[in-house]
PDB file of N, CA and C in Angstrom:
ATOM      1  N   MET A   1      -5.712   9.664  21.192  1.00  0.00           N
ATOM      2  CA  MET A   1      -4.158   8.736  21.314  1.00  0.00           C
ATOM      3  C   MET A   1      -3.229   9.514  22.503  1.00  0.00           C
ATOM      4  N   ARG A   2      -3.067   8.466  22.802  1.00  0.00           N
ATOM      5  CA  ARG A   2      -1.980   8.685  23.843  1.00  0.00           C
ATOM      6  C   ARG A   2      -0.919   9.184  22.847  1.00  0.00           C
ATOM      7  N   PRO A   3       0.151   9.950  23.903  1.00  0.00           N
ATOM      8  CA  PRO A   3       1.443  10.405  23.026  1.00  0.00           C
ATOM      9  C   PRO A   3       2.670   9.350  23.223  1.00  0.00           C
ATOM     10  N   SER A   4       2.483   8.350  23.696  1.00  0.00           N
ATOM     11  CA  SER A   4       3.214   7.164  24.140  1.00  0.00           C
ATOM     12  C   SER A   4       3.164   6.828  22.755  1.00  0.00           C
ATOM     13  N   LEU A   5       1.960   6.590  22.226  1.00  0.00           N
ATOM     14  CA  LEU A   5       1.658   5.399  21.343  1.00  0.00           C
ATOM     15  C   LEU A   5       2.193   6.000  19.707  1.00  0.00           C
ATOM     16  N   GLN A   6       1.882   7.680  19.384  1.00  0.00           N
ATOM     17  CA  GLN A   6       2.490   8.227  18.660  1.00  0.00           C
ATOM     18  C   GLN A   6       4.055   8.428  18.688  1.00  0.00           C
ATOM     19  N   SER A   7       4.593   8.469  19.850  1.00  0.00           N
ATOM     20  CA  SER A   7       5.907   8.830  19.858  1.00  0.00           C
ATOM     21  C   SER A   7       6.351   7.487  19.252  1.00  0.00           C
ATOM     22  N   GLN A   8       5.704   5.696  19.746  1.00  0.00           N
ATOM     23  CA  GLN A   8       6.618   4.574  19.576  1.00  0.00           C
ATOM     24  C   GLN A   8       6.668   4.496  17.245  1.00  0.00           C
ATOM     25  N   LEU A   9       5.503   4.988  17.209  1.00  0.00           N
ATOM     26  CA  LEU A   9       5.310   4.931  15.104  1.00  0.00           C
ATOM     27  C   LEU A   9       6.056   5.603  15.076  1.00  0.00           C
ATOM     28  N   VAL A  10       6.604   6.998  15.918  1.00  0.00           N
ATOM     29  CA  VAL A  10       7.546   8.291  14.773  1.00  0.00           C
ATOM     30  C   VAL A  10       9.025   7.320  15.201  1.00  0.00           C
ATOM     31  N   THR A  11       8.800   6.979  16.241  1.00  0.00           N
ATOM     32  CA  THR A  11      10.981   5.678  16.333  1.00  0.00           C
ATOM     33  C   THR A  11      10.383   5.018  15.242  1.00  0.00           C
ATOM     34  N   TYR A  12       9.594   3.938  14.906  1.00  0.00           N
ATOM     35  CA  TYR A  12       9.466   3.164  13.847  1.00  0.00           C
ATOM     36  C   TYR A  12       9.887   3.663  12.728  1.00  0.00           C
ATOM     37  N   TYR A  13       9.856   4.790  12.291  1.00  0.00           N
ATOM     38  CA  TYR A  13       9.345   5.988  11.186  1.00  0.00           C
ATOM     39  C   TYR A  13      11.053   6.236  11.324  1.00  0.00           C
ATOM     40  N   HIS A  14      11.582   6.614  12.371  1.00  0.00           N
ATOM     41  CA  HIS A  14      12.647   7.451  12.023  1.00  0.00           C
ATOM     42  C   HIS A  14      13.812   5.946  11.842  1.00  0.00           C
ATOM     43  N   HIS A  15      13.430   5.052  12.280  1.00  0.00           N
ATOM     44  CA  HIS A  15      14.606   4.059  12.271  1.00  0.00           C
ATOM     45  C   HIS A  15      14.708   3.606  11.001  1.00  0.00           C
ATOM     46  N   ASN A  16      13.807   3.087  10.381  1.00  0.00           N
ATOM     47  CA  ASN A  16      14.200   3.022   8.513  1.00  0.00           C
ATOM     48  C   ASN A  16      12.821   3.255   7.741  1.00  0.00           C
ATOM     49  N   GLY A  17      11.804   4.490   8.245  1.00  0.00           N
ATOM     50  CA  GLY A  17      10.978   4.336   7.190  1.00  0.00           C
ATOM     51  C   GLY A  17      11.220   5.228   6.375  1.00  0.00           C
ATOM     52  N   CYS A  18      10.023   5.794   5.619  1.00  0.00           N
ATOM     53  CA  CYS A  18      10.129   6.854   4.073  1.00  0.00           C
ATOM     54  C   CYS A  18       8.777   7.233   4.252  1.00  0.00           C
ATOM     55  N   CYS A  19       8.755   8.500   3.245  1.00  0.00           N
ATOM     56  CA  CYS A  19       7.513   8.933   3.072  1.00  0.00           C
ATOM     57  C   CYS A  19       7.944   9.341   1.434  1.00  0.00           C
ATOM     58  N   ARG A  20       7.006   8.873   0.470  1.00  0.00           N
ATOM     59  CA  ARG A  20       6.964   9.600  -0.783  1.00  0.00           C
ATOM     60  C   ARG A  20       5.900  10.401  -0.995  1.00  0.00           C
ATOM     61  N   MET A  21       5.797  11.760  -1.627  1.00  0.00           N
ATOM     62  CA  MET A  21       4.403  12.490  -1.839  1.00  0.00           C
ATOM     63  C   MET A  21       4.738  12.836  -3.292  1.00  0.00           C
ATOM     64  N   PRO A  22       3.582  12.865  -4.141  1.00  0.00           N
ATOM     65  CA  PRO A  22       3.804  13.464  -5.315  1.00  0.00           C
ATOM     66  C   PRO A  22       4.113  14.326  -6.131  1.00  0.00           C
ATOM     67  N   ASP A  23       5.020  14.710  -6.916  1.00  0.00           N
ATOM     68  CA  ASP A  23       5.079  16.167  -7.631  1.00  0.00           C
ATOM     69  C   ASP A  23       3.770  16.255  -8.442  1.00  0.00           C
ATOM     70  N   GLU A  24       3.313  17.320  -7.729  1.00  0.00           N
ATOM     71  CA  GLU A  24       2.133  18.187  -7.773  1.00  0.00           C
ATOM     72  C   GLU A  24       1.888  18.857  -9.424  1.00  0.00           C
ATOM     73  N   HIS A  25       3.150  19.386  -9.383  1.00  0.00           N
ATOM     74  CA  HIS A  25       3.107  19.860 -10.914  1.00  0.00           C
ATOM     75  C   HIS A  25       3.242  19.083 -11.862  1.00  0.00           C
ATOM     76  N   ARG A  26       3.867  17.969 -11.755  1.00  0.00           N
ATOM     77  CA  ARG A  26       4.302  16.866 -12.654  1.00  0.00           C
ATOM     78  C   ARG A  26       2.835  15.915 -12.741  1.00  0.00           C
ATOM     79  N   ARG A  27       2.142  15.873 -11.939  1.00  0.00           N
ATOM     80  CA  ARG A  27       0.730  15.398 -11.991  1.00  0.00           C
ATOM     81  C   ARG A  27      -0.213  16.109 -12.837  1.00  0.00           C
ATOM     82  N   LYS A  28      -0.076  17.616 -12.737  1.00  0.00           N
ATOM     83  CA  LYS A  28      -1.161  18.347 -13.310  1.00  0.00           C
ATOM     84  C   LYS A  28      -0.738  18.010 -14.864  1.00  0.00           C
ATOM     85  N   LYS A  29       0.470  17.911 -15.082  1.00  0.00           N
ATOM     86  CA  LYS A  29       1.162  18.156 -16.476  1.00  0.00           C
ATOM     87  C   LYS A  29       0.785  16.795 -17.379  1.00  0.00           C
ATOM     88  N   GLU A  30       1.035  15.549 -16.751  1.00  0.00           N
ATOM     89  CA  GLU A  30       0.878  14.233 -17.246  1.00  0.00           C
ATOM     90  C   GLU A  30      -0.168  13.438 -17.001  1.00  0.00           C
ATOM     91  N   GLY A  31      -1.058  14.097 -15.936  1.00  0.00           N
ATOM     92  CA  GLY A  31      -2.212  13.552 -15.522  1.00  0.00           C
ATOM     93  C   GLY A  31      -1.997  11.844 -15.470  1.00  0.00           C
ATOM     94  N   ARG A  32      -3.107  11.249 -15.600  1.00  0.00           N
ATOM     95  CA  ARG A  32      -2.945   9.948 -15.484  1.00  0.00           C
ATOM     96  C   ARG A  32      -1.367   8.749 -15.851  1.00  0.00           C
ATOM     97  N   LYS A  33      -1.094   9.566 -16.480  1.00  0.00           N
ATOM     98  CA  LYS A  33       0.368   8.807 -16.806  1.00  0.00           C
ATOM     99  C   LYS A  33       1.269   8.674 -15.669  1.00  0.00           C
ATOM    100  N   TYR A  34       1.194   9.713 -14.696  1.00  0.00           N
ATOM    101  CA  TYR A  34       1.848  10.108 -13.532  1.00  0.00           C
ATOM    102  C   TYR A  34       1.358   9.059 -12.120  1.00  0.00           C
ATOM    103  N   LYS A  35       1.804   7.776 -11.945  1.00  0.00           N
ATOM    104  CA  LYS A  35       1.251   7.265 -11.195  1.00  0.00           C
ATOM    105  C   LYS A  35       1.749   7.267  -9.664  1.00  0.00           C
ATOM    106  N   LYS A  36       2.792   8.319  -8.802  1.00  0.00           N
ATOM    107  CA  LYS A  36       3.475   8.223  -7.688  1.00  0.00           C
ATOM    108  C   LYS A  36       1.888   8.428  -6.825  1.00  0.00           C
ATOM    109  N   GLY A  37       1.766   8.037  -5.709  1.00  0.00           N
ATOM    110  CA  GLY A  37       0.739   8.880  -4.800  1.00  0.00           C
ATOM    111  C   GLY A  37       1.550   9.067  -3.982  1.00  0.00           C
ATOM    112  N   TYR A  38       0.679   9.092  -2.697  1.00  0.00           N
ATOM    113  CA  TYR A  38       0.629   9.439  -1.112  1.00  0.00           C
ATOM    114  C   TYR A  38       1.138   8.453  -0.363  1.00  0.00           C
ATOM    115  N   GLU A  39       2.334   8.180   0.307  1.00  0.00           N
ATOM    116  CA  GLU A  39       2.978   7.013   1.045  1.00  0.00           C
ATOM    117  C   GLU A  39       3.699   7.378   2.049  1.00  0.00           C
ATOM    118  N   ILE A  40       3.710   6.306   3.232  1.00  0.00           N
ATOM    119  CA  ILE A  40       4.430   6.282   3.862  1.00  0.00           C
ATOM    120  C   ILE A  40       5.068   4.765   4.455  1.00  0.00           C
ATOM    121  N   ARG A  41       6.150   4.304   4.424  1.00  0.00           N
ATOM    122  CA  ARG A  41       6.590   2.825   4.530  1.00  0.00           C
ATOM    123  C   ARG A  41       7.136   3.063   5.801  1.00  0.00           C
ATOM    124  N   LEU A  42       6.668   1.909   7.062  1.00  0.00           N
ATOM    125  CA  LEU A  42       7.274   2.127   7.944  1.00  0.00           C
ATOM    126  C   LEU A  42       7.992  -0.098   7.739  1.00  0.00           C
ATOM    127  N   VAL A  43       9.299   0.227   7.985  1.00  0.00           N
ATOM    128  CA  VAL A  43       9.570  -1.080   7.797  1.00  0.00           C
ATOM    129  C   VAL A  43      10.005  -2.388   8.818  1.00  0.00           C
ATOM    130  N   ALA A  44       9.317  -3.260   8.623  1.00  0.00           N
ATOM    131  CA  ALA A  44       9.789  -4.186  10.334  1.00  0.00           C
ATOM    132  C   ALA A  44      10.684  -5.643   9.497  1.00  0.00           C
ATOM    133  N   GLN A  45      11.431  -5.546  10.979  1.00  0.00           N
ATOM    134  CA  GLN A  45      12.373  -6.490  10.909  1.00  0.00           C
ATOM    135  C   GLN A  45      12.268  -8.270  10.709  1.00  0.00           C
ATOM    136  N   SER A  46      10.717  -8.286  11.075  1.00  0.00           N
ATOM    137  CA  SER A  46       9.979  -9.591  11.597  1.00  0.00           C
ATOM    138  C   SER A  46       8.681  -9.225  12.033  1.00  0.00           C
ATOM    139  N   LYS A  47       7.936 -10.441  11.603  1.00  0.00           N
ATOM    140  CA  LYS A  47       6.432 -10.324  11.804  1.00  0.00           C
ATOM    141  C   LYS A  47       6.225 -10.344  13.053  1.00  0.00           C
ATOM    142  N   ASP A  48       6.572 -10.123  14.340  1.00  0.00           N
ATOM    143  CA  ASP A  48       6.393  -9.520  15.483  1.00  0.00           C
ATOM    144  C   ASP A  48       6.347  -7.882  15.441  1.00  0.00           C
ATOM    145  N   GLU A  49       7.379  -7.493  14.599  1.00  0.00           N
ATOM    146  CA  GLU A  49       7.548  -6.168  14.936  1.00  0.00           C
ATOM    147  C   GLU A  49       6.437  -5.401  14.123  1.00  0.00           C
ATOM    148  N   LEU A  50       6.232  -6.339  13.068  1.00  0.00           N
ATOM    149  CA  LEU A  50       5.075  -6.028  11.932  1.00  0.00           C
ATOM    150  C   LEU A  50       3.532  -5.802  12.752  1.00  0.00           C
ATOM    151  N   SER A  51       3.820  -6.771  13.445  1.00  0.00           N
ATOM    152  CA  SER A  51       2.457  -7.016  14.407  1.00  0.00           C
ATOM    153  C   SER A  51       1.991  -5.604  15.723  1.00  0.00           C
ATOM    154  N   ALA A  52       3.680  -5.261  15.499  1.00  0.00           N
ATOM    155  CA  ALA A  52       3.066  -4.135  16.548  1.00  0.00           C
ATOM    156  C   ALA A  52       2.968  -2.975  15.667  1.00  0.00           C
ATOM    157  N   ILE A  53       3.546  -2.642  14.974  1.00  0.00           N
ATOM    158  CA  ILE A  53       3.318  -1.623  14.297  1.00  0.00           C
ATOM    159  C   ILE A  53       2.141  -1.453  13.624  1.00  0.00           C
ATOM    160  N   GLN A  54       1.548  -2.570  13.150  1.00  0.00           N
ATOM    161  CA  GLN A  54      -0.127  -2.340  12.585  1.00  0.00           C
ATOM    162  C   GLN A  54      -1.364  -2.188  13.626  1.00  0.00           C
ATOM    163  N   LEU A  55      -0.628  -2.962  15.321  1.00  0.00           N
ATOM    164  CA  LEU A  55      -1.401  -2.282  16.434  1.00  0.00           C
ATOM    165  C   LEU A  55      -1.320  -0.984  16.669  1.00  0.00           C
ATOM    166  N   LEU A  56      -0.080  -0.429  16.699  1.00  0.00           N
ATOM    167  CA  LEU A  56       0.102   1.063  16.885  1.00  0.00           C
ATOM    168  C   LEU A  56      -0.586   1.875  15.922  1.00  0.00           C
ATOM    169  N   LEU A  57      -0.426   1.521  14.539  1.00  0.00           N
ATOM    170  CA  LEU A  57      -1.485   2.211  13.421  1.00  0.00           C
ATOM    171  C   LEU A  57      -2.919   2.128  13.864  1.00  0.00           C
ATOM    172  N   LYS A  58      -3.383   1.233  14.134  1.00  0.00           N
ATOM    173  CA  LYS A  58      -5.033   1.064  14.402  1.00  0.00           C
ATOM    174  C   LYS A  58      -5.385   1.726  15.649  1.00  0.00           C
ATOM    175  N   LYS A  59      -4.541   1.916  16.855  1.00  0.00           N
ATOM    176  CA  LYS A  59      -4.451   2.211  17.731  1.00  0.00           C
ATOM    177  C   LYS A  59      -4.730   3.960  17.764  1.00  0.00           C
ATOM    178  N   CYS A  60      -3.886   4.331  16.859  1.00  0.00           N
ATOM    179  CA  CYS A  60      -3.834   6.019  16.242  1.00  0.00           C
ATOM    180  C   CYS A  60      -4.508   6.397  15.732  1.00  0.00           C
ATOM    181  N   GLY A  61      -5.686   5.551  15.061  1.00  0.00           N
ATOM    182  CA  GLY A  61      -6.193   5.808  13.959  1.00  0.00           C
ATOM    183  C   GLY A  61      -5.922   5.768  12.631  1.00  0.00           C
ATOM    184  N   PHE A  62      -5.032   5.019  12.035  1.00  0.00           N
ATOM    185  CA  PHE A  62      -4.801   4.557  10.882  1.00  0.00           C
ATOM    186  C   PHE A  62      -5.214   3.543  10.012  1.00  0.00           C
ATOM    187  N   ALA A  63      -5.401   3.273   9.084  1.00  0.00           N
ATOM    188  CA  ALA A  63      -6.023   2.246   8.101  1.00  0.00           C
ATOM    189  C   ALA A  63      -4.640   1.875   8.021  1.00  0.00           C
ATOM    190  N   VAL A  64      -4.803   0.822   8.318  1.00  0.00           N
ATOM    191  CA  VAL A  64      -3.433  -0.827   8.127  1.00  0.00           C
ATOM    192  C   VAL A  64      -4.061  -1.124   6.867  1.00  0.00           C
ATOM    193  N   ALA A  65      -2.981  -0.896   5.691  1.00  0.00           N
ATOM    194  CA  ALA A  65      -3.053  -1.185   4.590  1.00  0.00           C
ATOM    195  C   ALA A  65      -2.093  -2.841   4.216  1.00  0.00           C
ATOM    196  N   LYS A  66      -1.954  -3.734   3.335  1.00  0.00           N
ATOM    197  CA  LYS A  66      -1.664  -4.804   2.765  1.00  0.00           C
ATOM    198  C   LYS A  66      -0.135  -5.055   3.356  1.00  0.00           C
ATOM    199  N   PRO A  67       0.789  -5.001   4.103  1.00  0.00           N
ATOM    200  CA  PRO A  67       1.513  -5.290   3.831  1.00  0.00           C
ATOM    201  C   PRO A  67       2.568  -5.913   2.743  1.00  0.00           C
ATOM    202  N   PHE A  68       3.561  -5.779   2.688  1.00  0.00           N
ATOM    203  CA  PHE A  68       4.478  -6.594   1.406  1.00  0.00           C
ATOM    204  C   PHE A  68       6.076  -6.797   1.705  1.00  0.00           C
ATOM    205  N   SER A  69       6.397  -7.341   1.260  1.00  0.00           N
ATOM    206  CA  SER A  69       7.884  -7.612   1.585  1.00  0.00           C
ATOM    207  C   SER A  69       8.905  -7.113   0.176  1.00  0.00           C
ATOM    208  N   LYS A  70      10.117  -6.753   1.036  1.00  0.00           N
ATOM    209  CA  LYS A  70      11.269  -5.914   0.005  1.00  0.00           C
ATOM    210  C   LYS A  70      12.209  -6.794   0.859  1.00  0.00           C
ATOM    211  N   ARG A  71      12.890  -6.978  -0.168  1.00  0.00           N
ATOM    212  CA  ARG A  71      14.141  -7.565   0.386  1.00  0.00           C
ATOM    213  C   ARG A  71      14.200  -8.405   1.170  1.00  0.00           C
ATOM    214  N   SER A  72      14.820  -8.719   2.286  1.00  0.00           N
ATOM    215  CA  SER A  72      14.320  -9.535   3.211  1.00  0.00           C
ATOM    216  C   SER A  72      13.875  -8.826   4.610  1.00  0.00           C
ATOM    217  N   GLN A  73      13.102  -7.658   4.263  1.00  0.00           N
ATOM    218  CA  GLN A  73      12.091  -6.695   5.328  1.00  0.00           C
ATOM    219  C   GLN A  73      10.964  -6.711   4.852  1.00  0.00           C
ATOM    220  N   ILE A  74      10.113  -6.419   6.023  1.00  0.00           N
ATOM    221  CA  ILE A  74       8.571  -6.409   5.385  1.00  0.00           C
ATOM    222  C   ILE A  74       7.993  -4.737   5.545  1.00  0.00           C
ATOM    223  N   VAL A  75       7.512  -4.603   4.593  1.00  0.00           N
ATOM    224  CA  VAL A  75       6.642  -2.942   4.661  1.00  0.00           C
ATOM    225  C   VAL A  75       5.382  -2.743   4.942  1.00  0.00           C
ATOM    226  N   GLN A  76       5.212  -1.989   5.815  1.00  0.00           N
ATOM    227  CA  GLN A  76       3.996  -1.722   6.236  1.00  0.00           C
ATOM    228  C   GLN A  76       3.629  -0.365   5.624  1.00  0.00           C
ATOM    229  N   PRO A  77       2.599  -0.323   5.106  1.00  0.00           N
ATOM    230  CA  PRO A  77       2.228   1.343   3.816  1.00  0.00           C
ATOM    231  C   PRO A  77       1.359   1.786   4.772  1.00  0.00           C
ATOM    232  N   ILE A  78       1.133   3.084   4.504  1.00  0.00           N
ATOM    233  CA  ILE A  78       0.225   4.052   4.665  1.00  0.00           C
ATOM    234  C   ILE A  78      -0.566   4.523   3.698  1.00  0.00           C
ATOM    235  N   TYR A  79      -1.083   4.586   3.117  1.00  0.00           N
ATOM    236  CA  TYR A  79      -1.656   5.454   1.725  1.00  0.00           C
ATOM    237  C   TYR A  79      -2.962   6.387   1.891  1.00  0.00           C
ATOM    238  N   GLY A  80      -2.262   7.383   1.395  1.00  0.00           N
ATOM    239  CA  GLY A  80      -3.390   8.492   0.985  1.00  0.00           C
ATOM    240  C   GLY A  80      -3.218   9.861   1.424  1.00  0.00           C
ATOM    241  N   LYS A  81      -3.636  11.071   0.699  1.00  0.00           N
ATOM    242  CA  LYS A  81      -2.651  11.968   1.090  1.00  0.00           C
ATOM    243  C   LYS A  81      -3.253  12.812   2.500  1.00  0.00           C
ATOM    244  N   GLU A  82      -4.858  12.595   2.816  1.00  0.00           N
ATOM    245  CA  GLU A  82      -5.011  12.824   4.256  1.00  0.00           C
ATOM    246  C   GLU A  82      -4.199  12.135   5.588  1.00  0.00           C
ATOM    247  N   SER A  83      -3.855  10.850   5.173  1.00  0.00           N
ATOM    248  CA  SER A  83      -2.948  10.275   6.109  1.00  0.00           C
ATOM    249  C   SER A  83      -1.574  10.102   6.115  1.00  0.00           C
ATOM    250  N   VAL A  84      -1.157  10.623   4.811  1.00  0.00           N
ATOM    251  CA  VAL A  84       0.531  10.948   5.225  1.00  0.00           C
ATOM    252  C   VAL A  84       0.590  11.976   5.892  1.00  0.00           C
ATOM    253  N   GLN A  85      -0.436  13.187   5.394  1.00  0.00           N
ATOM    254  CA  GLN A  85      -0.163  14.338   5.913  1.00  0.00           C
ATOM    255  C   GLN A  85      -0.565  14.453   7.396  1.00  0.00           C
ATOM    256  N   GLN A  86      -1.630  13.690   7.857  1.00  0.00           N
ATOM    257  CA  GLN A  86      -1.221  13.574   9.567  1.00  0.00           C
ATOM    258  C   GLN A  86      -0.498  12.701   9.831  1.00  0.00           C
ATOM    259  N   PHE A  87       0.408  12.167   9.389  1.00  0.00           N
ATOM    260  CA  PHE A  87       1.662  10.921   9.700  1.00  0.00           C
ATOM    261  C   PHE A  87       2.782  11.826   9.742  1.00  0.00           C
ATOM    262  N   HIS A  88       2.623  12.696   8.903  1.00  0.00           N
ATOM    263  CA  HIS A  88       3.774  13.597   8.905  1.00  0.00           C
ATOM    264  C   HIS A  88       3.778  14.787   9.725  1.00  0.00           C
ATOM    265  N   ASN A  89       2.357  15.682  10.185  1.00  0.00           N
ATOM    266  CA  ASN A  89       2.507  16.440  11.382  1.00  0.00           C
ATOM    267  C   ASN A  89       2.620  15.587  12.653  1.00  0.00           C
ATOM    268  N   MET A  90       2.808  14.386  12.810  1.00  0.00           N
ATOM    269  CA  MET A  90       3.116  13.475  14.085  1.00  0.00           C
ATOM    270  C   MET A  90       3.953  13.607  13.953  1.00  0.00           C
ATOM    271  N   VAL A  91       4.911  13.041  13.087  1.00  0.00           N
ATOM    272  CA  VAL A  91       6.364  13.142  12.941  1.00  0.00           C
ATOM    273  C   VAL A  91       7.005  14.247  13.385  1.00  0.00           C
ATOM    274  N   SER A  92       6.010  15.362  12.891  1.00  0.00           N
ATOM    275  CA  SER A  92       7.195  16.878  13.096  1.00  0.00           C
ATOM    276  C   SER A  92       6.921  17.380  14.622  1.00  0.00           C
ATOM    277  N   GLU A  93       5.606  16.811  15.098  1.00  0.00           N
ATOM    278  CA  GLU A  93       5.407  17.134  16.761  1.00  0.00           C
ATOM    279  C   GLU A  93       6.559  16.510  17.191  1.00  0.00           C
ATOM    280  N   TYR A  94       6.530  14.864  17.262  1.00  0.00           N
ATOM    281  CA  TYR A  94       7.705  14.314  17.776  1.00  0.00           C
ATOM    282  C   TYR A  94       8.959  14.057  17.656  1.00  0.00           C
ATOM    283  N   SER A  95       9.459  14.898  16.924  1.00  0.00           N
ATOM    284  CA  SER A  95      11.234  14.817  16.376  1.00  0.00           C
ATOM    285  C   SER A  95      11.630  16.409  17.303  1.00  0.00           C
TER     286      SER A  95
END
Protein backbone atom coordinates (compact mmCIF):
# COMPACT_ATOMS: atom_id res chain seq x y z
CA MET A 1 0.00 0.00 0.00
CA ARG A 2 1.29 3.43 -0.85
CA PRO A 3 1.08 6.01 1.95
CA SER A 4 -0.59 8.54 -0.33
CA LEU A 5 -3.57 6.21 -0.83
CA GLN A 6 -3.95 5.72 2.91
CA SER A 7 -3.69 9.44 3.62
CA GLN A 8 -6.41 10.12 1.03
CA LEU A 9 -8.74 7.67 2.79
CA VAL A 10 -7.96 9.26 6.16
CA THR A 11 -8.79 12.66 4.66
CA TYR A 12 -12.22 11.38 3.56
CA TYR A 13 -12.75 9.94 7.05
CA HIS A 14 -11.84 13.23 8.76
CA HIS A 15 -14.01 15.20 6.36
CA ASN A 16 -17.30 13.56 7.30
CA GLY A 17 -16.76 9.98 8.45
CA CYS A 18 -17.59 8.15 11.66
CA CYS A 19 -16.74 4.97 13.50
CA ARG A 20 -19.02 2.65 15.45
CA MET A 21 -17.76 0.00 17.80
CA PRO A 22 -20.01 -2.17 19.93
CA ASP A 23 -20.09 -2.08 23.71
CA GLU A 24 -18.56 -5.48 24.52
CA HIS A 25 -19.99 -5.49 28.07
CA ARG A 26 -23.50 -4.87 26.75
CA ARG A 27 -23.00 -7.47 24.02
CA LYS A 28 -22.09 -10.12 26.61
CA LYS A 29 -25.05 -9.14 28.79
CA GLU A 30 -27.74 -8.92 26.07
CA GLY A 31 -26.41 -11.50 23.61
CA ARG A 32 -28.16 -11.57 20.25
CA LYS A 33 -30.56 -8.77 21.21
CA TYR A 34 -27.68 -6.28 20.96
CA LYS A 35 -27.05 -5.99 17.24
CA LYS A 36 -24.53 -3.15 16.99
CA GLY A 37 -21.44 -4.17 15.08
CA TYR A 38 -18.15 -2.74 13.94
CA GLU A 39 -18.55 -0.15 11.21
CA ILE A 40 -16.73 2.78 9.59
CA ARG A 41 -18.78 5.17 7.48
CA LEU A 42 -17.18 7.25 4.77
CA VAL A 43 -19.57 9.87 3.40
CA ALA A 44 -19.53 10.88 -0.27
CA GLN A 45 -21.21 13.98 -1.64
CA SER A 46 -21.56 12.59 -5.18
CA LYS A 47 -21.32 9.37 -7.19
CA ASP A 48 -17.91 10.45 -8.48
CA GLU A 49 -16.63 10.89 -4.93
CA LEU A 50 -18.10 7.50 -3.99
CA SER A 51 -16.23 5.89 -6.90
CA ALA A 52 -12.99 7.51 -5.72
CA ILE A 53 -13.52 6.24 -2.16
CA GLN A 54 -14.31 2.72 -3.38
CA LEU A 55 -11.20 2.65 -5.58
CA LEU A 56 -9.02 3.78 -2.65
CA LEU A 57 -10.57 1.13 -0.40
CA LYS A 58 -9.88 -1.62 -2.96
CA LYS A 59 -6.28 -0.46 -3.48
CA CYS A 60 -5.72 -0.40 0.30
CA GLY A 61 -7.08 -3.94 0.68
CA PHE A 62 -10.49 -3.25 2.24
CA ALA A 63 -13.66 -5.04 1.17
CA VAL A 64 -16.15 -2.70 -0.48
CA ALA A 65 -19.61 -3.19 1.00
CA LYS A 66 -22.80 -1.98 -0.64
CA PRO A 67 -23.17 1.80 -0.25
CA PHE A 68 -26.44 3.33 0.91
CA SER A 69 -28.13 6.74 0.85
CA LYS A 70 -28.61 8.76 3.99
CA ARG A 71 -30.32 12.10 3.54
CA SER A 72 -28.69 13.71 0.48
CA GLN A 73 -25.39 11.86 0.94
CA ILE A 74 -24.02 8.47 0.00
CA VAL A 75 -22.44 6.35 2.72
CA GLN A 76 -19.72 3.80 1.96
CA PRO A 77 -19.49 1.45 4.96
CA ILE A 78 -16.62 -0.76 6.06
CA TYR A 79 -17.81 -3.67 8.19
CA GLY A 80 -16.10 -6.15 10.48
CA LYS A 81 -13.94 -6.04 13.57
CA GLU A 82 -10.62 -6.64 11.79
CA SER A 83 -11.31 -4.14 9.01
CA VAL A 84 -12.44 -1.45 11.44
CA GLN A 85 -9.38 -1.98 13.64
CA GLN A 86 -7.10 -1.88 10.59
CA PHE A 87 -8.75 1.34 9.41
CA HIS A 88 -8.60 2.85 12.90
CA ASN A 89 -4.86 2.07 13.08
CA MET A 90 -4.39 3.73 9.70
CA VAL A 91 -6.24 6.84 10.90
CA SER A 92 -4.04 6.98 14.01
CA GLU A 93 -0.91 6.67 11.88
CA TYR A 94 -1.84 9.43 9.41
CA SER A 95 -3.48 11.90 11.80
